[in-house]
Amino acid sequence: AAAYVAGVTKVFTVGGAQAIAALAYGTETIPQVDKITGP
């Protein structure tokens, strides 16, 4: 719900190092981003 209120575009239910790698390099489905934030 917080993601909805804050205007998040899309959510992937993945975590850990694999999620960071997916954001950094991109996969067939998860697009590569320019910056990663969050603890």
Full PDB file with SEQRES, HELIX, SHEET, SSBOND, CRYST1, ORIGX, SCALE, CONECT and MASTER records, all heavy atoms in Angstrom:
SEQRES   1 A   39  ALA ALA ALA TYR VAL ALA GLY VAL THR LYS VAL PHE THR          
SEQRES   2 A   39  VAL GLY GLY ALA GLN ALA ILE ALA ALA LEU ALA TYR GLY          
SEQRES   3 A   39  THR GLU THR ILE PRO GLN VAL ASP LYS ILE THR GLY PRO          
HELIX    1 AA1 ALA A    2  VAL A    5  1                                   4    
HELIX    2 AA2 GLY A   16  TYR A   25  1                                  10    
CRYST1    1.000    1.000    1.000  90.00  90.00  90.00 P 1           1          
ORIGX1      1.000000  0.000000  0.000000        0.00000                         
ORIGX2      0.000000  1.000000  0.000000        0.00000                         
ORIGX3      0.000000  0.000000  1.000000        0.00000                         
SCALE1      1.000000  0.000000  0.000000        0.00000                         
SCALE2      0.000000  1.000000  0.000000        0.00000                         
SCALE3      0.000000  0.000000  1.000000        0.00000                         
ATOM      1  N   ALA A   1       0.829  -1.201   0.000  1.00  0.00           N  
ATOM      2  CA  ALA A   1       0.000   0.000   0.000  1.00  0.00           C  
ATOM      3  C   ALA A   1       0.868   1.257   0.000  1.00  0.00           C  
ATOM      4  O   ALA A   1       0.549   2.249  -0.665  1.00  0.00           O  
ATOM      5  CB  ALA A   1      -0.927  -0.001   1.206  1.00  0.00           C  
ATOM      6  N   ALA A   2       1.966   1.201   0.731  1.00  0.00           N  
ATOM      7  CA  ALA A   2       2.895   2.331   0.741  1.00  0.00           C  
ATOM      8  C   ALA A   2       3.471   2.563  -0.649  1.00  0.00           C  
ATOM      9  O   ALA A   2       3.671   3.710  -1.070  1.00  0.00           O  
ATOM     10  CB  ALA A   2       4.016   2.083   1.751  1.00  0.00           C  
ATOM     11  N   ALA A   3       3.750   1.486  -1.366  1.00  0.00           N  
ATOM     12  CA  ALA A   3       4.253   1.607  -2.736  1.00  0.00           C  
ATOM     13  C   ALA A   3       3.214   2.278  -3.630  1.00  0.00           C  
ATOM     14  O   ALA A   3       3.549   3.092  -4.498  1.00  0.00           O  
ATOM     15  CB  ALA A   3       4.619   0.230  -3.286  1.00  0.00           C  
ATOM     16  N   TYR A   4       1.961   1.953  -3.418  1.00  0.00           N  
ATOM     17  CA  TYR A   4       0.875   2.572  -4.181  1.00  0.00           C  
ATOM     18  C   TYR A   4       0.797   4.072  -3.896  1.00  0.00           C  
ATOM     19  O   TYR A   4       0.731   4.898  -4.811  1.00  0.00           O  
ATOM     20  CB  TYR A   4      -0.442   1.882  -3.826  1.00  0.00           C  
ATOM     21  CG  TYR A   4      -1.664   2.525  -4.428  1.00  0.00           C  
ATOM     22  CD1 TYR A   4      -1.942   2.419  -5.790  1.00  0.00           C  
ATOM     23  CD2 TYR A   4      -2.557   3.241  -3.631  1.00  0.00           C  
ATOM     24  CE1 TYR A   4      -3.072   3.009  -6.350  1.00  0.00           C  
ATOM     25  CE2 TYR A   4      -3.687   3.827  -4.172  1.00  0.00           C  
ATOM     26  CZ  TYR A   4      -3.939   3.715  -5.531  1.00  0.00           C  
ATOM     27  OH  TYR A   4      -5.056   4.308  -6.080  1.00  0.00           O  
ATOM     28  N   VAL A   5       0.855   4.427  -2.616  1.00  0.00           N  
ATOM     29  CA  VAL A   5       0.754   5.832  -2.212  1.00  0.00           C  
ATOM     30  C   VAL A   5       1.953   6.634  -2.702  1.00  0.00           C  
ATOM     31  O   VAL A   5       1.819   7.799  -3.105  1.00  0.00           O  
ATOM     32  CB  VAL A   5       0.626   5.933  -0.677  1.00  0.00           C  
ATOM     33  CG1 VAL A   5       0.764   7.379  -0.208  1.00  0.00           C  
ATOM     34  CG2 VAL A   5      -0.700   5.357  -0.207  1.00  0.00           C  
ATOM     35  N   ALA A   6       3.150   6.001  -2.699  1.00  0.00           N  
ATOM     36  CA  ALA A   6       4.383   6.719  -3.035  1.00  0.00           C  
ATOM     37  C   ALA A   6       4.672   6.739  -4.534  1.00  0.00           C  
ATOM     38  O   ALA A   6       5.696   7.283  -4.951  1.00  0.00           O  
ATOM     39  CB  ALA A   6       5.561   6.096  -2.286  1.00  0.00           C  
ATOM     40  N   GLY A   7       3.813   6.161  -5.337  1.00  0.00           N  
ATOM     41  CA  GLY A   7       3.980   6.241  -6.784  1.00  0.00           C  
ATOM     42  C   GLY A   7       4.993   5.275  -7.373  1.00  0.00           C  
ATOM     43  O   GLY A   7       5.593   5.561  -8.415  1.00  0.00           O  
ATOM     44  N   VAL A   8       5.181   4.126  -6.739  1.00  0.00           N  
ATOM     45  CA  VAL A   8       6.073   3.104  -7.296  1.00  0.00           C  
ATOM     46  C   VAL A   8       5.468   2.562  -8.582  1.00  0.00           C  
ATOM     47  O   VAL A   8       4.264   2.323  -8.673  1.00  0.00           O  
ATOM     48  CB  VAL A   8       6.293   1.971  -6.274  1.00  0.00           C  
ATOM     49  CG1 VAL A   8       7.015   0.790  -6.913  1.00  0.00           C  
ATOM     50  CG2 VAL A   8       7.076   2.495  -5.075  1.00  0.00           C  
ATOM     51  N   THR A   9       6.305   2.377  -9.590  1.00  0.00           N  
ATOM     52  CA  THR A   9       5.820   1.941 -10.903  1.00  0.00           C  
ATOM     53  C   THR A   9       5.487   0.463 -10.931  1.00  0.00           C  
ATOM     54  O   THR A   9       4.424   0.048 -11.407  1.00  0.00           O  
ATOM     55  CB  THR A   9       6.886   2.227 -11.983  1.00  0.00           C  
ATOM     56  OG1 THR A   9       7.307   3.582 -11.878  1.00  0.00           O  
ATOM     57  CG2 THR A   9       6.337   1.956 -13.367  1.00  0.00           C  
ATOM     58  N   LYS A  10       6.417  -0.360 -10.422  1.00  0.00           N  
ATOM     59  CA  LYS A  10       6.220  -1.808 -10.448  1.00  0.00           C  
ATOM     60  C   LYS A  10       6.986  -2.434  -9.298  1.00  0.00           C  
ATOM     61  O   LYS A  10       8.025  -1.924  -8.878  1.00  0.00           O  
ATOM     62  CB  LYS A  10       6.697  -2.395 -11.776  1.00  0.00           C  
ATOM     63  CG  LYS A  10       6.384  -3.890 -11.970  1.00  0.00           C  
ATOM     64  CD  LYS A  10       6.784  -4.381 -13.359  1.00  0.00           C  
ATOM     65  CE  LYS A  10       5.849  -3.848 -14.427  1.00  0.00           C  
ATOM     66  NZ  LYS A  10       6.132  -4.455 -15.765  1.00  0.00           N  
ATOM     67  N   VAL A  11       6.470  -3.559  -8.793  1.00  0.00           N  
ATOM     68  CA  VAL A  11       7.095  -4.258  -7.671  1.00  0.00           C  
ATOM     69  C   VAL A  11       7.427  -5.683  -8.073  1.00  0.00           C  
ATOM     70  O   VAL A  11       6.616  -6.371  -8.710  1.00  0.00           O  
ATOM     71  CB  VAL A  11       6.167  -4.274  -6.434  1.00  0.00           C  
ATOM     72  CG1 VAL A  11       6.772  -5.117  -5.313  1.00  0.00           C  
ATOM     73  CG2 VAL A  11       5.899  -2.856  -5.948  1.00  0.00           C  
ATOM     74  N   PHE A  12       8.637  -6.117  -7.690  1.00  0.00           N  
ATOM     75  CA  PHE A  12       9.044  -7.511  -7.866  1.00  0.00           C  
ATOM     76  C   PHE A  12       9.308  -8.099  -6.488  1.00  0.00           C  
ATOM     77  O   PHE A  12      10.047  -7.515  -5.689  1.00  0.00           O  
ATOM     78  CB  PHE A  12      10.303  -7.605  -8.734  1.00  0.00           C  
ATOM     79  CG  PHE A  12      10.100  -7.155 -10.149  1.00  0.00           C  
ATOM     80  CD1 PHE A  12      10.288  -5.819 -10.498  1.00  0.00           C  
ATOM     81  CD2 PHE A  12       9.693  -8.042 -11.132  1.00  0.00           C  
ATOM     82  CE1 PHE A  12      10.096  -5.387 -11.805  1.00  0.00           C  
ATOM     83  CE2 PHE A  12       9.493  -7.614 -12.441  1.00  0.00           C  
ATOM     84  CZ  PHE A  12       9.697  -6.295 -12.782  1.00  0.00           C  
ATOM     85  N   THR A  13       8.710  -9.241  -6.216  1.00  0.00           N  
ATOM     86  CA  THR A  13       8.838  -9.854  -4.895  1.00  0.00           C  
ATOM     87  C   THR A  13      10.096 -10.725  -4.844  1.00  0.00           C  
ATOM     88  O   THR A  13      10.036 -11.948  -4.730  1.00  0.00           O  
ATOM     89  CB  THR A  13       7.587 -10.673  -4.540  1.00  0.00           C  
ATOM     90  OG1 THR A  13       7.365 -11.666  -5.550  1.00  0.00           O  
ATOM     91  CG2 THR A  13       6.371  -9.786  -4.441  1.00  0.00           C  
ATOM     92  N   VAL A  14      11.225 -10.063  -4.919  1.00  0.00           N  
ATOM     93  CA  VAL A  14      12.526 -10.719  -4.817  1.00  0.00           C  
ATOM     94  C   VAL A  14      13.378  -9.916  -3.843  1.00  0.00           C  
ATOM     95  O   VAL A  14      13.144  -8.724  -3.635  1.00  0.00           O  
ATOM     96  CB  VAL A  14      13.234 -10.824  -6.185  1.00  0.00           C  
ATOM     97  CG1 VAL A  14      12.452 -11.724  -7.131  1.00  0.00           C  
ATOM     98  CG2 VAL A  14      13.427  -9.444  -6.810  1.00  0.00           C  
ATOM     99  N   GLY A  15      14.353 -10.575  -3.246  1.00  0.00           N  
ATOM    100  CA  GLY A  15      15.198  -9.881  -2.286  1.00  0.00           C  
ATOM    101  C   GLY A  15      16.621 -10.379  -2.335  1.00  0.00           C  
ATOM    102  O   GLY A  15      17.000 -11.154  -3.229  1.00  0.00           O  
ATOM    103  N   GLY A  16      17.415  -9.946  -1.381  1.00  0.00           N  
ATOM    104  CA  GLY A  16      18.783 -10.415  -1.269  1.00  0.00           C  
ATOM    105  C   GLY A  16      19.688  -9.910  -2.376  1.00  0.00           C  
ATOM    106  O   GLY A  16      19.341  -9.015  -3.152  1.00  0.00           O  
ATOM    107  N   ALA A  17      20.872 -10.520  -2.449  1.00  0.00           N  
ATOM    108  CA  ALA A  17      21.861 -10.139  -3.459  1.00  0.00           C  
ATOM    109  C   ALA A  17      21.315 -10.322  -4.866  1.00  0.00           C  
ATOM    110  O   ALA A  17      21.654  -9.570  -5.788  1.00  0.00           O  
ATOM    111  CB  ALA A  17      23.139 -10.958  -3.275  1.00  0.00           C  
ATOM    112  N   GLN A  18      20.443 -11.328  -5.048  1.00  0.00           N  
ATOM    113  CA  GLN A  18      19.902 -11.595  -6.385  1.00  0.00           C  
ATOM    114  C   GLN A  18      19.032 -10.440  -6.873  1.00  0.00           C  
ATOM    115  O   GLN A  18      19.014 -10.129  -8.069  1.00  0.00           O  
ATOM    116  CB  GLN A  18      19.115 -12.908  -6.399  1.00  0.00           C  
ATOM    117  CG  GLN A  18      17.939 -12.997  -5.453  1.00  0.00           C  
ATOM    118  CD  GLN A  18      18.314 -13.490  -4.071  1.00  0.00           C  
ATOM    119  OE1 GLN A  18      19.471 -13.433  -3.669  1.00  0.00           O  
ATOM    120  NE2 GLN A  18      17.326 -13.994  -3.341  1.00  0.00           N  
ATOM    121  N   ALA A  19      18.322  -9.777  -5.959  1.00  0.00           N  
ATOM    122  CA  ALA A  19      17.499  -8.635  -6.355  1.00  0.00           C  
ATOM    123  C   ALA A  19      18.374  -7.453  -6.757  1.00  0.00           C  
ATOM    124  O   ALA A  19      18.084  -6.759  -7.740  1.00  0.00           O  
ATOM    125  CB  ALA A  19      16.571  -8.233  -5.209  1.00  0.00           C  
ATOM    126  N   ILE A  20      19.439  -7.216  -5.996  1.00  0.00           N  
ATOM    127  CA  ILE A  20      20.359  -6.128  -6.328  1.00  0.00           C  
ATOM    128  C   ILE A  20      21.002  -6.377  -7.685  1.00  0.00           C  
ATOM    129  O   ILE A  20      21.121  -5.459  -8.522  1.00  0.00           O  
ATOM    130  CB  ILE A  20      21.443  -5.990  -5.239  1.00  0.00           C  
ATOM    131  CG1 ILE A  20      20.809  -5.655  -3.882  1.00  0.00           C  
ATOM    132  CG2 ILE A  20      22.470  -4.938  -5.640  1.00  0.00           C  
ATOM    133  CD1 ILE A  20      20.060  -4.358  -3.833  1.00  0.00           C  
ATOM    134  N   ALA A  21      21.417  -7.612  -7.929  1.00  0.00           N  
ATOM    135  CA  ALA A  21      22.037  -7.960  -9.221  1.00  0.00           C  
ATOM    136  C   ALA A  21      21.050  -7.753 -10.365  1.00  0.00           C  
ATOM    137  O   ALA A  21      21.418  -7.248 -11.436  1.00  0.00           O  
ATOM    138  CB  ALA A  21      22.534  -9.402  -9.190  1.00  0.00           C  
ATOM    139  N   ALA A  22      19.796  -8.142 -10.153  1.00  0.00           N  
ATOM    140  CA  ALA A  22      18.788  -7.982 -11.206  1.00  0.00           C  
ATOM    141  C   ALA A  22      18.578  -6.517 -11.547  1.00  0.00           C  
ATOM    142  O   ALA A  22      18.471  -6.140 -12.723  1.00  0.00           O  
ATOM    143  CB  ALA A  22      17.474  -8.629 -10.765  1.00  0.00           C  
ATOM    144  N   LEU A  23      18.528  -5.672 -10.535  1.00  0.00           N  
ATOM    145  CA  LEU A  23      18.362  -4.239 -10.776  1.00  0.00           C  
ATOM    146  C   LEU A  23      19.583  -3.644 -11.469  1.00  0.00           C  
ATOM    147  O   LEU A  23      19.463  -2.765 -12.327  1.00  0.00           O  
ATOM    148  CB  LEU A  23      18.129  -3.508  -9.452  1.00  0.00           C  
ATOM    149  CG  LEU A  23      16.802  -3.765  -8.736  1.00  0.00           C  
ATOM    150  CD1 LEU A  23      16.814  -3.118  -7.359  1.00  0.00           C  
ATOM    151  CD2 LEU A  23      15.621  -3.249  -9.550  1.00  0.00           C  
ATOM    152  N   ALA A  24      20.763  -4.123 -11.087  1.00  0.00           N  
ATOM    153  CA  ALA A  24      21.996  -3.550 -11.628  1.00  0.00           C  
ATOM    154  C   ALA A  24      22.250  -3.967 -13.071  1.00  0.00           C  
ATOM    155  O   ALA A  24      22.666  -3.148 -13.898  1.00  0.00           O  
ATOM    156  CB  ALA A  24      23.186  -3.954 -10.764  1.00  0.00           C  
ATOM    157  N   TYR A  25      22.028  -5.227 -13.367  1.00  0.00           N  
ATOM    158  CA  TYR A  25      22.363  -5.750 -14.696  1.00  0.00           C  
ATOM    159  C   TYR A  25      21.152  -5.876 -15.618  1.00  0.00           C  
ATOM    160  O   TYR A  25      21.295  -5.912 -16.837  1.00  0.00           O  
ATOM    161  CB  TYR A  25      23.036  -7.117 -14.574  1.00  0.00           C  
ATOM    162  CG  TYR A  25      24.274  -7.106 -13.722  1.00  0.00           C  
ATOM    163  CD1 TYR A  25      24.364  -7.874 -12.570  1.00  0.00           C  
ATOM    164  CD2 TYR A  25      25.365  -6.303 -14.052  1.00  0.00           C  
ATOM    165  CE1 TYR A  25      25.508  -7.864 -11.776  1.00  0.00           C  
ATOM    166  CE2 TYR A  25      26.507  -6.281 -13.265  1.00  0.00           C  
ATOM    167  CZ  TYR A  25      26.573  -7.058 -12.130  1.00  0.00           C  
ATOM    168  OH  TYR A  25      27.704  -7.041 -11.357  1.00  0.00           O  
ATOM    169  N   GLY A  26      19.971  -5.953 -15.008  1.00  0.00           N  
ATOM    170  CA  GLY A  26      18.776  -6.184 -15.791  1.00  0.00           C  
ATOM    171  C   GLY A  26      18.618  -7.656 -16.116  1.00  0.00           C  
ATOM    172  O   GLY A  26      19.605  -8.399 -16.222  1.00  0.00           O  
ATOM    173  N   THR A  27      17.377  -8.100 -16.244  1.00  0.00           N  
ATOM    174  CA  THR A  27      17.089  -9.464 -16.702  1.00  0.00           C  
ATOM    175  C   THR A  27      16.105  -9.338 -17.859  1.00  0.00           C  
ATOM    176  O   THR A  27      15.784  -8.233 -18.298  1.00  0.00           O  
ATOM    177  CB  THR A  27      16.469 -10.316 -15.575  1.00  0.00           C  
ATOM    178  OG1 THR A  27      15.124  -9.861 -15.320  1.00  0.00           O  
ATOM    179  CG2 THR A  27      17.295 -10.253 -14.297  1.00  0.00           C  
ATOM    180  N   GLU A  28      15.593 -10.476 -18.322  1.00  0.00           N  
ATOM    181  CA  GLU A  28      14.606 -10.417 -19.405  1.00  0.00           C  
ATOM    182  C   GLU A  28      13.365  -9.632 -18.986  1.00  0.00           C  
ATOM    183  O   GLU A  28      12.669  -9.060 -19.827  1.00  0.00           O  
ATOM    184  CB  GLU A  28      14.179 -11.834 -19.828  1.00  0.00           C  
ATOM    185  CG  GLU A  28      15.312 -12.696 -20.354  1.00  0.00           C  
ATOM    186  CD  GLU A  28      15.987 -13.524 -19.268  1.00  0.00           C  
ATOM    187  OE1 GLU A  28      16.072 -13.041 -18.112  1.00  0.00           O  
ATOM    188  OE2 GLU A  28      16.422 -14.647 -19.562  1.00  0.00           O  
ATOM    189  N   THR A  29      13.095  -9.603 -17.670  1.00  0.00           N  
ATOM    190  CA  THR A  29      11.864  -8.976 -17.182  1.00  0.00           C  
ATOM    191  C   THR A  29      12.118  -7.730 -16.346  1.00  0.00           C  
ATOM    192  O   THR A  29      11.411  -6.726 -16.480  1.00  0.00           O  
ATOM    193  CB  THR A  29      11.060  -9.991 -16.333  1.00  0.00           C  
ATOM    194  OG1 THR A  29      10.829 -11.163 -17.117  1.00  0.00           O  
ATOM    195  CG2 THR A  29       9.738  -9.412 -15.891  1.00  0.00           C  
ATOM    196  N   ILE A  30      13.113  -7.781 -15.484  1.00  0.00           N  
ATOM    197  CA  ILE A  30      13.417  -6.636 -14.631  1.00  0.00           C  
ATOM    198  C   ILE A  30      14.356  -5.695 -15.377  1.00  0.00           C  
ATOM    199  O   ILE A  30      15.443  -6.102 -15.793  1.00  0.00           O  
ATOM    200  CB  ILE A  30      14.056  -7.084 -13.305  1.00  0.00           C  
ATOM    201  CG1 ILE A  30      13.064  -7.935 -12.508  1.00  0.00           C  
ATOM    202  CG2 ILE A  30      14.498  -5.866 -12.477  1.00  0.00           C  
ATOM    203  CD1 ILE A  30      13.570  -8.389 -11.151  1.00  0.00           C  
ATOM    204  N   PRO A  31      13.959  -4.440 -15.553  1.00  0.00           N  
ATOM    205  CA  PRO A  31      14.799  -3.514 -16.316  1.00  0.00           C  
ATOM    206  C   PRO A  31      16.006  -3.046 -15.498  1.00  0.00           C  
ATOM    207  O   PRO A  31      15.932  -2.937 -14.273  1.00  0.00           O  
ATOM    208  CB  PRO A  31      13.861  -2.342 -16.606  1.00  0.00           C  
ATOM    209  CG  PRO A  31      12.875  -2.371 -15.481  1.00  0.00           C  
ATOM    210  CD  PRO A  31      12.687  -3.814 -15.120  1.00  0.00           C  
ATOM    211  N   GLN A  32      17.106  -2.787 -16.165  1.00  0.00           N  
ATOM    212  CA  GLN A  32      18.276  -2.232 -15.504  1.00  0.00           C  
ATOM    213  C   GLN A  32      17.964  -0.814 -15.042  1.00  0.00           C  
ATOM    214  O   GLN A  32      17.371  -0.026 -15.773  1.00  0.00           O  
ATOM    215  CB  GLN A  32      19.471  -2.206 -16.454  1.00  0.00           C  
ATOM    216  CG  GLN A  32      20.752  -1.690 -15.808  1.00  0.00           C  
ATOM    217  CD  GLN A  32      21.889  -1.546 -16.801  1.00  0.00           C  
ATOM    218  OE1 GLN A  32      21.681  -1.131 -17.948  1.00  0.00           O  
ATOM    219  NE2 GLN A  32      23.095  -1.889 -16.373  1.00  0.00           N  
ATOM    220  N   VAL A  33      18.366  -0.495 -13.833  1.00  0.00           N  
ATOM    221  CA  VAL A  33      18.116   0.834 -13.290  1.00  0.00           C  
ATOM    222  C   VAL A  33      19.392   1.656 -13.322  1.00  0.00           C  
ATOM    223  O   VAL A  33      20.483   1.156 -13.605  1.00  0.00           O  
ATOM    224  CB  VAL A  33      17.560   0.750 -11.847  1.00  0.00           C  
ATOM    225  CG1 VAL A  33      16.280  -0.075 -11.811  1.00  0.00           C  
ATOM    226  CG2 VAL A  33      18.600   0.179 -10.884  1.00  0.00           C  
ATOM    227  N   ASP A  34      19.256   2.935 -13.023  1.00  0.00           N  
ATOM    228  CA  ASP A  34      20.413   3.827 -12.986  1.00  0.00           C  
ATOM    229  C   ASP A  34      21.011   3.935 -11.587  1.00  0.00           C  
ATOM    230  O   ASP A  34      22.199   4.207 -11.431  1.00  0.00           O  
ATOM    231  CB  ASP A  34      20.010   5.227 -13.466  1.00  0.00           C  
ATOM    232  CG  ASP A  34      19.453   5.201 -14.876  1.00  0.00           C  
ATOM    233  OD1 ASP A  34      20.077   4.555 -15.741  1.00  0.00           O  
ATOM    234  OD2 ASP A  34      18.395   5.807 -15.111  1.00  0.00           O  
ATOM    235  N   LYS A  35      20.164   3.711 -10.570  1.00  0.00           N  
ATOM    236  CA  LYS A  35      20.639   3.843  -9.192  1.00  0.00           C  
ATOM    237  C   LYS A  35      19.797   2.947  -8.298  1.00  0.00           C  
ATOM    238  O   LYS A  35      18.597   2.756  -8.543  1.00  0.00           O  
ATOM    239  CB  LYS A  35      20.530   5.304  -8.731  1.00  0.00           C  
ATOM    240  CG  LYS A  35      21.224   5.608  -7.415  1.00  0.00           C  
ATOM    241  CD  LYS A  35      21.287   7.117  -7.183  1.00  0.00           C  
ATOM    242  CE  LYS A  35      22.235   7.456  -6.038  1.00  0.00           C  
ATOM    243  NZ  LYS A  35      22.399   8.921  -5.892  1.00  0.00           N  
ATOM    244  N   ILE A  36      20.422   2.416  -7.251  1.00  0.00           N  
ATOM    245  CA  ILE A  36      19.730   1.566  -6.284  1.00  0.00           C  
ATOM    246  C   ILE A  36      19.845   2.219  -4.911  1.00  0.00           C  
ATOM    247  O   ILE A  36      20.931   2.591  -4.472  1.00  0.00           O  
ATOM    248  CB  ILE A  36      20.348   0.156  -6.237  1.00  0.00           C  
ATOM    249  CG1 ILE A  36      20.277  -0.523  -7.616  1.00  0.00           C  
ATOM    250  CG2 ILE A  36      19.630  -0.703  -5.184  1.00  0.00           C  
ATOM    251  CD1 ILE A  36      21.038  -1.830  -7.690  1.00  0.00           C  
ATOM    252  N   THR A  37      18.709   2.349  -4.233  1.00  0.00           N  
ATOM    253  CA  THR A  37      18.709   2.899  -2.882  1.00  0.00           C  
ATOM    254  C   THR A  37      17.960   1.953  -1.947  1.00  0.00           C  
ATOM    255  O   THR A  37      17.191   1.098  -2.390  1.00  0.00           O  
ATOM    256  CB  THR A  37      18.056   4.292  -2.826  1.00  0.00           C  
ATOM    257  OG1 THR A  37      16.638   4.161  -3.032  1.00  0.00           O  
ATOM    258  CG2 THR A  37      18.633   5.216  -3.883  1.00  0.00           C  
ATOM    259  N   GLY A  38      18.184   2.136  -0.659  1.00  0.00           N  
ATOM    260  CA  GLY A  38      17.467   1.348   0.333  1.00  0.00           C  
ATOM    261  C   GLY A  38      18.368   0.411   1.110  1.00  0.00           C  
ATOM    262  O   GLY A  38      19.367  -0.079   0.576  1.00  0.00           O  
ATOM    263  N   PRO A  39      18.034   0.154   2.369  1.00  0.00           N  
ATOM    264  CA  PRO A  39      18.858  -0.676   3.246  1.00  0.00           C  
ATOM    265  C   PRO A  39      18.577  -2.159   3.073  1.00  0.00           C  
ATOM    266  O   PRO A  39      17.583  -2.558   2.474  1.00  0.00           O  
ATOM    267  CB  PRO A  39      18.427  -0.210   4.638  1.00  0.00           C  
ATOM    268  CG  PRO A  39      16.966   0.112   4.449  1.00  0.00           C  
ATOM    269  CD  PRO A  39      16.853   0.701   3.068  1.00  0.00           C  
TER     270      PRO A  39                                                      
MASTER        0    0    0    2    0    0    0    6  269    1    0    3          
END                                                                             
